[in-house]
Amino acid sequence: MKILSFFQYVYAFVAIVFTYEAINEWNVDRNRSYFMLFLAALATFMFFFRKRFRKKFEDRNQK
């Protein structure tokens, strides 16, 4: 169960890294920045999806 929680926060960290890279590349290569922002949004979605999935998994195991 701890590993699910760990990977949940890995997605949050990856989203932060991709956002940082997008901001740094904004004036150099705008297309790459858009791609990085897309990946950051995807990682953020996965963070919340994993969080919800982990919560459902814990609730099901408690019953």
PDB file of N, CA and C in Angstrom:
ATOM      1  N   MET A   1       0.818  -1.193   0.000  1.00  0.00           N
ATOM      2  CA  MET A   1       0.000   0.000   0.000  1.00  0.00           C
ATOM      3  C   MET A   1       0.867   1.265   0.000  1.00  0.00           C
ATOM      4  N   LYS A   2       2.013   1.194   0.646  1.00  0.00           N
ATOM      5  CA  LYS A   2       2.905   2.356   0.694  1.00  0.00           C
ATOM      6  C   LYS A   2       3.447   2.711  -0.678  1.00  0.00           C
ATOM      7  N   ILE A   3       3.633   1.695  -1.517  1.00  0.00           N
ATOM      8  CA  ILE A   3       4.189   1.961  -2.842  1.00  0.00           C
ATOM      9  C   ILE A   3       3.196   2.737  -3.708  1.00  0.00           C
ATOM     10  N   LEU A   4       1.895   2.492  -3.530  1.00  0.00           N
ATOM     11  CA  LEU A   4       0.898   3.266  -4.274  1.00  0.00           C
ATOM     12  C   LEU A   4       0.942   4.730  -3.868  1.00  0.00           C
ATOM     13  N   SER A   5       1.126   4.978  -2.593  1.00  0.00           N
ATOM     14  CA  SER A   5       1.234   6.347  -2.116  1.00  0.00           C
ATOM     15  C   SER A   5       2.505   7.007  -2.647  1.00  0.00           C
ATOM     16  N   PHE A   6       3.590   6.244  -2.694  1.00  0.00           N
ATOM     17  CA  PHE A   6       4.851   6.772  -3.207  1.00  0.00           C
ATOM     18  C   PHE A   6       4.720   7.202  -4.664  1.00  0.00           C
ATOM     19  N   PHE A   7       4.150   6.336  -5.503  1.00  0.00           N
ATOM     20  CA  PHE A   7       4.028   6.661  -6.921  1.00  0.00           C
ATOM     21  C   PHE A   7       3.047   7.794  -7.155  1.00  0.00           C
ATOM     22  N   GLN A   8       2.096   7.950  -6.285  1.00  0.00           N
ATOM     23  CA  GLN A   8       1.173   9.074  -6.389  1.00  0.00           C
ATOM     24  C   GLN A   8       1.953  10.383  -6.310  1.00  0.00           C
ATOM     25  N   TYR A   9       2.887  10.463  -5.378  1.00  0.00           N
ATOM     26  CA  TYR A   9       3.664  11.690  -5.228  1.00  0.00           C
ATOM     27  C   TYR A   9       4.767  11.819  -6.269  1.00  0.00           C
ATOM     28  N   VAL A  10       5.156  10.724  -6.874  1.00  0.00           N
ATOM     29  CA  VAL A  10       6.100  10.797  -7.995  1.00  0.00           C
ATOM     30  C   VAL A  10       5.451  11.552  -9.154  1.00  0.00           C
ATOM     31  N   TYR A  11       4.173  11.275  -9.401  1.00  0.00           N
ATOM     32  CA  TYR A  11       3.461  11.997 -10.463  1.00  0.00           C
ATOM     33  C   TYR A  11       3.394  13.495 -10.159  1.00  0.00           C
ATOM     34  N   ALA A  12       3.190  13.862  -8.922  1.00  0.00           N
ATOM     35  CA  ALA A  12       3.165  15.288  -8.553  1.00  0.00           C
ATOM     36  C   ALA A  12       4.529  15.923  -8.790  1.00  0.00           C
ATOM     37  N   PHE A  13       5.584  15.222  -8.426  1.00  0.00           N
ATOM     38  CA  PHE A  13       6.939  15.734  -8.647  1.00  0.00           C
ATOM     39  C   PHE A  13       7.225  15.889 -10.145  1.00  0.00           C
ATOM     40  N   VAL A  14       6.827  14.913 -10.932  1.00  0.00           N
ATOM     41  CA  VAL A  14       7.040  14.971 -12.386  1.00  0.00           C
ATOM     42  C   VAL A  14       6.283  16.154 -12.983  1.00  0.00           C
ATOM     43  N   ALA A  15       5.084  16.408 -12.502  1.00  0.00           N
ATOM     44  CA  ALA A  15       4.311  17.555 -12.993  1.00  0.00           C
ATOM     45  C   ALA A  15       5.038  18.866 -12.693  1.00  0.00           C
ATOM     46  N   ILE A  16       5.622  18.965 -11.526  1.00  0.00           N
ATOM     47  CA  ILE A  16       6.366  20.175 -11.160  1.00  0.00           C
ATOM     48  C   ILE A  16       7.597  20.338 -12.052  1.00  0.00           C
ATOM     49  N   VAL A  17       8.285  19.247 -12.314  1.00  0.00           N
ATOM     50  CA  VAL A  17       9.490  19.303 -13.162  1.00  0.00           C
ATOM     51  C   VAL A  17       9.117  19.715 -14.582  1.00  0.00           C
ATOM     52  N   PHE A  18       8.058  19.138 -15.136  1.00  0.00           N
ATOM     53  CA  PHE A  18       7.646  19.490 -16.495  1.00  0.00           C
ATOM     54  C   PHE A  18       7.191  20.949 -16.576  1.00  0.00           C
ATOM     55  N   THR A  19       6.519  21.438 -15.557  1.00  0.00           N
ATOM     56  CA  THR A  19       6.106  22.842 -15.547  1.00  0.00           C
ATOM     57  C   THR A  19       7.317  23.758 -15.493  1.00  0.00           C
ATOM     58  N   TYR A  20       8.288  23.406 -14.676  1.00  0.00           N
ATOM     59  CA  TYR A  20       9.519  24.191 -14.590  1.00  0.00           C
ATOM     60  C   TYR A  20      10.246  24.218 -15.937  1.00  0.00           C
ATOM     61  N   GLU A  21      10.350  23.067 -16.580  1.00  0.00           N
ATOM     62  CA  GLU A  21      11.007  22.998 -17.892  1.00  0.00           C
ATOM     63  C   GLU A  21      10.251  23.811 -18.940  1.00  0.00           C
ATOM     64  N   ALA A  22       8.924  23.783 -18.889  1.00  0.00           N
ATOM     65  CA  ALA A  22       8.128  24.557 -19.850  1.00  0.00           C
ATOM     66  C   ALA A  22       8.364  26.049 -19.676  1.00  0.00           C
ATOM     67  N   ILE A  23       8.453  26.485 -18.435  1.00  0.00           N
ATOM     68  CA  ILE A  23       8.694  27.913 -18.180  1.00  0.00           C
ATOM     69  C   ILE A  23      10.091  28.315 -18.654  1.00  0.00           C
ATOM     70  N   ASN A  24      11.076  27.452 -18.427  1.00  0.00           N
ATOM     71  CA  ASN A  24      12.441  27.771 -18.864  1.00  0.00           C
ATOM     72  C   ASN A  24      12.581  27.774 -20.381  1.00  0.00           C
ATOM     73  N   GLU A  25      11.848  26.947 -21.076  1.00  0.00           N
ATOM     74  CA  GLU A  25      11.957  26.828 -22.533  1.00  0.00           C
ATOM     75  C   GLU A  25      10.990  27.743 -23.288  1.00  0.00           C
ATOM     76  N   TRP A  26      10.176  28.518 -22.591  1.00  0.00           N
ATOM     77  CA  TRP A  26       9.107  29.270 -23.230  1.00  0.00           C
ATOM     78  C   TRP A  26       9.615  30.201 -24.336  1.00  0.00           C
ATOM     79  N   ASN A  27      10.675  30.932 -24.112  1.00  0.00           N
ATOM     80  CA  ASN A  27      11.180  31.873 -25.117  1.00  0.00           C
ATOM     81  C   ASN A  27      12.088  31.207 -26.143  1.00  0.00           C
ATOM     82  N   VAL A  28      12.565  30.008 -25.869  1.00  0.00           N
ATOM     83  CA  VAL A  28      13.473  29.322 -26.780  1.00  0.00           C
ATOM     84  C   VAL A  28      12.706  28.495 -27.805  1.00  0.00           C
ATOM     85  N   ASP A  29      11.848  27.621 -27.318  1.00  0.00           N
ATOM     86  CA  ASP A  29      11.097  26.726 -28.205  1.00  0.00           C
ATOM     87  C   ASP A  29       9.679  26.586 -27.668  1.00  0.00           C
ATOM     88  N   ARG A  30       8.766  27.341 -28.254  1.00  0.00           N
ATOM     89  CA  ARG A  30       7.395  27.387 -27.757  1.00  0.00           C
ATOM     90  C   ARG A  30       6.681  26.054 -27.941  1.00  0.00           C
ATOM     91  N   ASN A  31       6.954  25.338 -29.033  1.00  0.00           N
ATOM     92  CA  ASN A  31       6.295  24.043 -29.247  1.00  0.00           C
ATOM     93  C   ASN A  31       6.698  23.029 -28.182  1.00  0.00           C
ATOM     94  N   ARG A  32       7.957  23.024 -27.810  1.00  0.00           N
ATOM     95  CA  ARG A  32       8.405  22.114 -26.754  1.00  0.00           C
ATOM     96  C   ARG A  32       7.768  22.497 -25.420  1.00  0.00           C
ATOM     97  N   SER A  33       7.594  23.789 -25.188  1.00  0.00           N
ATOM     98  CA  SER A  33       6.958  24.237 -23.956  1.00  0.00           C
ATOM     99  C   SER A  33       5.511  23.777 -23.879  1.00  0.00           C
ATOM    100  N   TYR A  34       4.806  23.848 -24.997  1.00  0.00           N
ATOM    101  CA  TYR A  34       3.425  23.360 -25.016  1.00  0.00           C
ATOM    102  C   TYR A  34       3.378  21.861 -24.723  1.00  0.00           C
ATOM    103  N   PHE A  35       4.314  21.121 -25.285  1.00  0.00           N
ATOM    104  CA  PHE A  35       4.365  19.679 -25.040  1.00  0.00           C
ATOM    105  C   PHE A  35       4.657  19.398 -23.563  1.00  0.00           C
ATOM    106  N   MET A  36       5.576  20.156 -22.983  1.00  0.00           N
ATOM    107  CA  MET A  36       5.886  19.984 -21.561  1.00  0.00           C
ATOM    108  C   MET A  36       4.675  20.318 -20.695  1.00  0.00           C
ATOM    109  N   LEU A  37       3.938  21.349 -21.059  1.00  0.00           N
ATOM    110  CA  LEU A  37       2.731  21.690 -20.304  1.00  0.00           C
ATOM    111  C   LEU A  37       1.674  20.601 -20.430  1.00  0.00           C
ATOM    112  N   PHE A  38       1.577  20.001 -21.611  1.00  0.00           N
ATOM    113  CA  PHE A  38       0.656  18.871 -21.789  1.00  0.00           C
ATOM    114  C   PHE A  38       1.057  17.714 -20.875  1.00  0.00           C
ATOM    115  N   LEU A  39       2.345  17.407 -20.828  1.00  0.00           N
ATOM    116  CA  LEU A  39       2.812  16.319 -19.965  1.00  0.00           C
ATOM    117  C   LEU A  39       2.597  16.660 -18.489  1.00  0.00           C
ATOM    118  N   ALA A  40       2.757  17.917 -18.123  1.00  0.00           N
ATOM    119  CA  ALA A  40       2.506  18.337 -16.741  1.00  0.00           C
ATOM    120  C   ALA A  40       1.025  18.160 -16.393  1.00  0.00           C
ATOM    121  N   ALA A  41       0.150  18.518 -17.329  1.00  0.00           N
ATOM    122  CA  ALA A  41      -1.286  18.338 -17.094  1.00  0.00           C
ATOM    123  C   ALA A  41      -1.629  16.851 -16.979  1.00  0.00           C
ATOM    124  N   LEU A  42      -1.010  16.029 -17.811  1.00  0.00           N
ATOM    125  CA  LEU A  42      -1.235  14.589 -17.751  1.00  0.00           C
ATOM    126  C   LEU A  42      -0.741  14.009 -16.427  1.00  0.00           C
ATOM    127  N   ALA A  43       0.416  14.445 -15.968  1.00  0.00           N
ATOM    128  CA  ALA A  43       0.949  13.972 -14.687  1.00  0.00           C
ATOM    129  C   ALA A  43       0.066  14.431 -13.531  1.00  0.00           C
ATOM    130  N   THR A  44      -0.474  15.635 -13.616  1.00  0.00           N
ATOM    131  CA  THR A  44      -1.389  16.124 -12.578  1.00  0.00           C
ATOM    132  C   THR A  44      -2.663  15.290 -12.556  1.00  0.00           C
ATOM    133  N   PHE A  45      -3.184  14.984 -13.736  1.00  0.00           N
ATOM    134  CA  PHE A  45      -4.360  14.117 -13.821  1.00  0.00           C
ATOM    135  C   PHE A  45      -4.065  12.759 -13.205  1.00  0.00           C
ATOM    136  N   MET A  46      -2.903  12.195 -13.519  1.00  0.00           N
ATOM    137  CA  MET A  46      -2.539  10.884 -12.970  1.00  0.00           C
ATOM    138  C   MET A  46      -2.377  10.946 -11.454  1.00  0.00           C
ATOM    139  N   PHE A  47      -1.886  12.060 -10.924  1.00  0.00           N
ATOM    140  CA  PHE A  47      -1.767  12.217  -9.475  1.00  0.00           C
ATOM    141  C   PHE A  47      -3.134  12.086  -8.816  1.00  0.00           C
ATOM    142  N   PHE A  48      -4.121  12.841  -9.320  1.00  0.00           N
ATOM    143  CA  PHE A  48      -5.445  12.789  -8.717  1.00  0.00           C
ATOM    144  C   PHE A  48      -6.144  11.455  -8.984  1.00  0.00           C
ATOM    145  N   PHE A  49      -5.911  10.879 -10.150  1.00  0.00           N
ATOM    146  CA  PHE A  49      -6.494   9.566 -10.452  1.00  0.00           C
ATOM    147  C   PHE A  49      -5.942   8.505  -9.509  1.00  0.00           C
ATOM    148  N   ARG A  50      -4.628   8.496  -9.306  1.00  0.00           N
ATOM    149  CA  ARG A  50      -4.004   7.528  -8.393  1.00  0.00           C
ATOM    150  C   ARG A  50      -4.476   7.737  -6.959  1.00  0.00           C
ATOM    151  N   LYS A  51      -4.639   9.004  -6.576  1.00  0.00           N
ATOM    152  CA  LYS A  51      -5.097   9.304  -5.224  1.00  0.00           C
ATOM    153  C   LYS A  51      -6.496   8.731  -5.002  1.00  0.00           C
ATOM    154  N   ARG A  52      -7.365   8.940  -5.966  1.00  0.00           N
ATOM    155  CA  ARG A  52      -8.729   8.413  -5.863  1.00  0.00           C
ATOM    156  C   ARG A  52      -8.743   6.885  -5.898  1.00  0.00           C
ATOM    157  N   PHE A  53      -7.930   6.310  -6.769  1.00  0.00           N
ATOM    158  CA  PHE A  53      -7.851   4.857  -6.883  1.00  0.00           C
ATOM    159  C   PHE A  53      -7.324   4.248  -5.584  1.00  0.00           C
ATOM    160  N   ARG A  54      -6.304   4.852  -4.986  1.00  0.00           N
ATOM    161  CA  ARG A  54      -5.748   4.354  -3.733  1.00  0.00           C
ATOM    162  C   ARG A  54      -6.782   4.423  -2.620  1.00  0.00           C
ATOM    163  N   LYS A  55      -7.554   5.515  -2.577  1.00  0.00           N
ATOM    164  CA  LYS A  55      -8.602   5.669  -1.569  1.00  0.00           C
ATOM    165  C   LYS A  55      -9.656   4.580  -1.715  1.00  0.00           C
ATOM    166  N   LYS A  56     -10.071   4.300  -2.948  1.00  0.00           N
ATOM    167  CA  LYS A  56     -11.048   3.234  -3.177  1.00  0.00           C
ATOM    168  C   LYS A  56     -10.482   1.881  -2.779  1.00  0.00           C
ATOM    169  N   PHE A  57      -9.229   1.663  -3.079  1.00  0.00           N
ATOM    170  CA  PHE A  57      -8.578   0.397  -2.744  1.00  0.00           C
ATOM    171  C   PHE A  57      -8.499   0.217  -1.231  1.00  0.00           C
ATOM    172  N   GLU A  58      -8.161   1.282  -0.503  1.00  0.00           N
ATOM    173  CA  GLU A  58      -8.098   1.203   0.960  1.00  0.00           C
ATOM    174  C   GLU A  58      -9.476   0.964   1.560  1.00  0.00           C
ATOM    175  N   ASP A  59     -10.494   1.651   1.040  1.00  0.00           N
ATOM    176  CA  ASP A  59     -11.853   1.464   1.551  1.00  0.00           C
ATOM    177  C   ASP A  59     -12.345   0.033   1.315  1.00  0.00           C
ATOM    178  N   ARG A  60     -12.010  -0.509   0.170  1.00  0.00           N
ATOM    179  CA  ARG A  60     -12.440  -1.871  -0.147  1.00  0.00           C
ATOM    180  C   ARG A  60     -11.729  -2.892   0.756  1.00  0.00           C
ATOM    181  N   ASN A  61     -10.475  -2.656   1.094  1.00  0.00           N
ATOM    182  CA  ASN A  61      -9.744  -3.565   1.967  1.00  0.00           C
ATOM    183  C   ASN A  61     -10.190  -3.482   3.420  1.00  0.00           C
ATOM    184  N   GLN A  62     -10.746  -2.358   3.833  1.00  0.00           N
ATOM    185  CA  GLN A  62     -11.206  -2.207   5.208  1.00  0.00           C
ATOM    186  C   GLN A  62     -12.518  -2.924   5.461  1.00  0.00           C
ATOM    187  N   LYS A  63     -13.290  -3.176   4.423  1.00  0.00           N
ATOM    188  CA  LYS A  63     -14.591  -3.843   4.595  1.00  0.00           C
ATOM    189  C   LYS A  63     -14.439  -5.308   4.796  1.00  0.00           C
TER     190      LYS A  63
END
